[in-house]
Protein backbone atom coordinates (compact mmCIF):
# COMPACT_ATOMS: atom_id res chain seq x y z
CA MET A 1 -0.39 0.03 0.34
CA THR A 2 1.28 3.41 -0.77
CA PHE A 3 -0.14 7.05 -0.14
CA HIS A 4 1.15 10.02 -1.86
CA PRO A 5 3.64 12.01 0.42
CA SER A 6 0.77 14.61 1.45
CA PHE A 7 -0.86 12.04 3.92
CA HIS A 8 2.46 10.20 5.02
CA GLY A 9 2.63 10.58 8.95
CA ARG A 10 -1.42 11.01 9.81
CA GLY A 11 -1.34 7.14 11.44
CA TYR A 12 -3.59 6.28 8.47
CA ALA A 13 -1.26 2.96 7.36
CA THR A 14 -1.51 2.77 10.61
CA GLU A 15 -5.40 2.47 11.18
CA ALA A 16 -5.44 0.39 7.58
CA VAL A 17 -3.06 -2.47 9.00
CA THR A 18 -5.13 -2.51 12.24
CA ALA A 19 -8.60 -3.31 10.30
CA TRP A 20 -6.77 -5.60 7.49
CA LEU A 21 -5.70 -8.09 10.61
CA GLY A 22 -9.46 -7.30 12.21
CA VAL A 23 -10.58 -8.83 9.14
CA LEU A 24 -8.07 -11.93 8.75
CA TRP A 25 -8.61 -12.73 11.86
CA GLU A 26 -12.81 -13.15 11.13
CA GLU A 27 -11.89 -14.60 8.27
CA TYR A 28 -9.38 -17.49 9.33
CA PRO A 29 -10.10 -18.43 12.31
CA THR A 30 -7.64 -20.69 13.02
CA ARG A 31 -4.32 -18.50 11.76
CA LYS A 32 -1.59 -18.28 14.49
CA SER A 33 0.53 -15.41 12.86
CA VAL A 34 0.85 -13.77 9.96
CA HIS A 35 3.81 -12.20 8.14
CA GLY A 36 4.02 -8.66 6.61
CA GLY A 37 7.32 -6.65 5.20
CA TYR A 38 8.84 -4.18 3.13
CA PHE A 39 12.12 -3.31 1.60
CA ALA A 40 15.02 -2.27 4.25
CA GLY A 41 15.40 1.14 4.06
CA ASN A 42 11.36 2.11 4.35
CA GLU A 43 11.47 3.23 7.70
CA GLY A 44 7.72 5.00 7.24
CA SER A 45 6.51 1.04 7.31
CA ARG A 46 8.94 -0.51 9.24
CA ARG A 47 7.39 1.98 11.79
CA VAL A 48 3.32 0.63 10.94
CA LEU A 49 4.18 -2.82 11.76
CA GLU A 50 6.17 -1.88 14.71
CA LYS A 51 2.94 0.11 16.04
CA VAL A 52 0.91 -2.49 15.24
CA GLY A 53 2.33 -5.27 17.45
CA PHE A 54 4.54 -7.24 14.46
CA VAL A 55 8.28 -7.99 15.37
CA PHE A 56 10.80 -8.65 12.95
CA ASP A 57 11.61 -12.28 12.08
CA GLU A 58 15.11 -13.28 11.13
CA LYS A 59 14.54 -17.14 10.25
CA TRP A 60 11.91 -15.50 7.29
CA THR A 61 13.38 -12.73 5.98
CA THR A 62 16.91 -14.22 5.55
CA GLU A 63 14.80 -17.10 3.72
CA VAL A 64 12.59 -14.63 1.37
CA ARG A 65 16.07 -13.12 0.83
CA GLY A 66 16.96 -16.22 -0.41
CA MET A 67 14.41 -16.56 -3.10
CA VAL A 68 14.66 -13.42 -4.71
CA GLU A 69 18.41 -12.98 -4.65
CA GLY A 70 19.69 -12.69 -8.25
CA SER A 71 16.04 -12.20 -9.17
CA GLU A 72 15.23 -10.38 -12.12
CA GLY A 73 13.54 -7.08 -10.93
CA TRP A 74 14.48 -7.60 -7.49
CA GLU A 75 18.17 -5.74 -8.42
CA GLY A 76 19.16 -3.50 -5.37
CA LYS A 77 15.85 -4.09 -3.12
CA VAL A 78 16.60 -6.13 -0.09
CA PRO A 79 13.14 -7.50 2.20
CA THR A 80 13.20 -7.60 5.46
CA VAL A 81 10.01 -9.47 7.15
CA TRP A 82 7.98 -9.26 10.42
CA ARG A 83 6.04 -11.67 11.80
CA PHE A 84 2.43 -11.18 13.97
CA ASP A 85 1.34 -13.43 16.08
CA ARG A 86 -2.50 -13.75 17.05
CA PRO A 87 -3.54 -12.51 20.41
CA GLU A 88 -4.62 -14.83 22.98
CA ASN A 89 -8.13 -12.56 23.26
CA VAL A 90 -8.87 -12.77 19.16
């Protein structure tokens, strides 16, 4: 998801991700966790995932980087993956 720069810092992405998680838990009641990612250097996306409760996932980051490394169209892009575990009360 992207927003025009004039909308950066207003909390819209955080609100959208929070709403998306609510829908996801309803649609997939047995799902235990989800992953979200961004390309290294995208601090805005990192902050959104952090605010919502995602945590850095080294294992998935390493696996995804290995899958895309050397792939056409991924030159210079370094993916970073975070995980969000389903809360107990949801």
